[in-house]
Structure formats: C-alpha cells, structure tokens
Amino acid sequence: MPYAVLEKQLKELPEEYLDDVSRYVQLLQYKIAVIGQVKEEKKGIILGLAEGKYKIPDDINAYDDEIVEMFDERKECCL
C-alpha cells in the first residue's frame, strides 16, 4: 500500500483513534525488532561443528545387512 493511500486513510480517521493507530505501529516496530534479533541469533549457529569428529563410510548402506540380521535375531529370541 502506498504511503499516500495510508496517509489519506489516517486523515479520514477521527482523532480519537490515532492513539490506537500509533500503538499498533509501535507493536509492529517491536515485532520487527524481535524478528531481527531472532535472525541475528540464528546467524550465530556454526554449521559443521562436528566436522571430522565422526567417520562416515563411503557407502552408507554398507552395514544394512548386518543391522537386518541383528533385528531378525532379536525377533526370533523374543517370540
């Protein structure tokens, strides 16, 4: 919405409602400030924090058969 349209609407409002409009504008400014702080906090997250601390296999599916066997054995013992 262009400022000219908003200004026209404000001029058409009875003066008794201008305090309400002002409080709403202050609320919006506060929300913008809080959202800005949240974005700043998110920027502080360090990606790759655990880089190099864990070995990742070349084939992530390499041990699937062993895992299936472990669960199959567990299933058999508990039946």
C-alpha atoms as a PDB file:
ATOM      1  CA  MET A   1       0.000   0.000   0.000  1.00  0.00           C
ATOM      2  CA  PRO A   2       1.486   3.370  -0.957  1.00  0.00           C
ATOM      3  CA  TYR A   3       2.109   5.873   1.831  1.00  0.00           C
ATOM      4  CA  ALA A   4      -0.223   8.357   0.126  1.00  0.00           C
ATOM      5  CA  VAL A   5      -3.162   5.959   0.486  1.00  0.00           C
ATOM      6  CA  LEU A   6      -2.304   5.252   4.108  1.00  0.00           C
ATOM      7  CA  GLU A   7      -1.911   8.964   4.818  1.00  0.00           C
ATOM      8  CA  LYS A   8      -5.332   9.614   3.284  1.00  0.00           C
ATOM      9  CA  GLN A   9      -6.889   6.907   5.452  1.00  0.00           C
ATOM     10  CA  LEU A  10      -5.253   8.356   8.567  1.00  0.00           C
ATOM     11  CA  LYS A  11      -6.573  11.819   7.784  1.00  0.00           C
ATOM     12  CA  GLU A  12     -10.089  10.415   7.455  1.00  0.00           C
ATOM     13  CA  LEU A  13      -9.955   8.757  10.889  1.00  0.00           C
ATOM     14  CA  PRO A  14     -11.400  10.568  13.869  1.00  0.00           C
ATOM     15  CA  GLU A  15      -8.585  11.877  16.085  1.00  0.00           C
ATOM     16  CA  GLU A  16      -9.680   9.696  18.967  1.00  0.00           C
ATOM     17  CA  TYR A  17      -8.445   6.637  17.021  1.00  0.00           C
ATOM     18  CA  LEU A  18      -4.974   7.982  16.238  1.00  0.00           C
ATOM     19  CA  ASP A  19      -3.613   6.747  19.573  1.00  0.00           C
ATOM     20  CA  ASP A  20      -4.728   3.224  18.640  1.00  0.00           C
ATOM     21  CA  VAL A  21      -3.009   3.502  15.274  1.00  0.00           C
ATOM     22  CA  SER A  22       0.142   4.775  16.967  1.00  0.00           C
ATOM     23  CA  ARG A  23       0.146   1.853  19.434  1.00  0.00           C
ATOM     24  CA  TYR A  24      -0.303  -0.602  16.569  1.00  0.00           C
ATOM     25  CA  VAL A  25       2.612   0.950  14.680  1.00  0.00           C
ATOM     26  CA  GLN A  26       4.724   0.623  17.846  1.00  0.00           C
ATOM     27  CA  LEU A  27       3.703  -3.038  18.122  1.00  0.00           C
ATOM     28  CA  LEU A  28       4.770  -3.637  14.534  1.00  0.00           C
ATOM     29  CA  GLN A  29       8.110  -1.912  15.178  1.00  0.00           C
ATOM     30  CA  TYR A  30       8.634  -4.116  18.228  1.00  0.00           C
ATOM     31  CA  LYS A  31       7.828  -7.270  16.248  1.00  0.00           C
ATOM     32  CA  ILE A  32      10.283  -6.223  13.539  1.00  0.00           C
ATOM     33  CA  ALA A  33      12.980  -5.652  16.164  1.00  0.00           C
ATOM     34  CA  VAL A  34      12.343  -9.056  17.782  1.00  0.00           C
ATOM     35  CA  ILE A  35      12.360 -10.842  14.440  1.00  0.00           C
ATOM     36  CA  GLY A  36      15.625  -9.077  13.634  1.00  0.00           C
ATOM     37  CA  GLN A  37      17.124 -10.348  16.892  1.00  0.00           C
ATOM     38  CA  VAL A  38      15.997 -13.904  16.156  1.00  0.00           C
ATOM     39  CA  LYS A  39      17.623 -13.735  12.724  1.00  0.00           C
ATOM     40  CA  GLU A  40      20.834 -12.450  14.302  1.00  0.00           C
ATOM     41  CA  GLU A  41      20.812 -15.319  16.818  1.00  0.00           C
ATOM     42  CA  LYS A  42      20.344 -17.837  14.025  1.00  0.00           C
ATOM     43  CA  LYS A  43      23.367 -16.414  12.226  1.00  0.00           C
ATOM     44  CA  GLY A  44      25.432 -17.478  15.221  1.00  0.00           C
ATOM     45  CA  ILE A  45      24.849 -21.184  14.528  1.00  0.00           C
ATOM     46  CA  ILE A  46      28.046 -22.819  13.393  1.00  0.00           C
ATOM     47  CA  LEU A  47      27.485 -25.327  10.636  1.00  0.00           C
ATOM     48  CA  GLY A  48      29.859 -28.260  10.547  1.00  0.00           C
ATOM     49  CA  LEU A  49      30.593 -28.078  14.264  1.00  0.00           C
ATOM     50  CA  ALA A  50      31.267 -31.823  14.434  1.00  0.00           C
ATOM     51  CA  GLU A  51      33.169 -31.909  11.166  1.00  0.00           C
ATOM     52  CA  GLY A  52      35.920 -34.512  11.277  1.00  0.00           C
ATOM     53  CA  LYS A  53      34.783 -35.982  14.601  1.00  0.00           C
ATOM     54  CA  TYR A  54      32.821 -38.867  13.081  1.00  0.00           C
ATOM     55  CA  LYS A  55      33.798 -41.273  10.350  1.00  0.00           C
ATOM     56  CA  ILE A  56      31.197 -41.510   7.624  1.00  0.00           C
ATOM     57  CA  PRO A  57      31.527 -44.592   5.448  1.00  0.00           C
ATOM     58  CA  ASP A  58      31.809 -44.185   1.700  1.00  0.00           C
ATOM     59  CA  ASP A  59      28.752 -46.424   1.318  1.00  0.00           C
ATOM     60  CA  ILE A  60      26.145 -45.512   3.928  1.00  0.00           C
ATOM     61  CA  ASN A  61      24.261 -48.707   3.161  1.00  0.00           C
ATOM     62  CA  ALA A  62      27.280 -50.946   3.707  1.00  0.00           C
ATOM     63  CA  TYR A  63      26.073 -52.340   7.049  1.00  0.00           C
ATOM     64  CA  ASP A  64      22.374 -52.664   6.247  1.00  0.00           C
ATOM     65  CA  ASP A  65      22.535 -56.468   6.046  1.00  0.00           C
ATOM     66  CA  GLU A  66      24.210 -56.712   9.456  1.00  0.00           C
ATOM     67  CA  ILE A  67      21.575 -54.470  11.011  1.00  0.00           C
ATOM     68  CA  VAL A  68      18.753 -56.517   9.487  1.00  0.00           C
ATOM     69  CA  GLU A  69      20.349 -59.696  10.848  1.00  0.00           C
ATOM     70  CA  MET A  70      20.638 -58.167  14.330  1.00  0.00           C
ATOM     71  CA  PHE A  71      16.951 -57.329  14.347  1.00  0.00           C
ATOM     72  CA  ASP A  72      15.984 -60.713  12.924  1.00  0.00           C
ATOM     73  CA  GLU A  73      17.928 -62.442  15.713  1.00  0.00           C
ATOM     74  CA  ARG A  74      16.236 -60.242  18.289  1.00  0.00           C
ATOM     75  CA  LYS A  75      12.829 -61.028  16.822  1.00  0.00           C
ATOM     76  CA  GLU A  76      13.499 -64.790  16.954  1.00  0.00           C
ATOM     77  CA  CYS A  77      14.632 -64.784  20.590  1.00  0.00           C
ATOM     78  CA  CYS A  78      11.583 -62.895  21.772  1.00  0.00           C
ATOM     79  CA  LEU A  79       8.855 -64.883  20.044  1.00  0.00           C
END
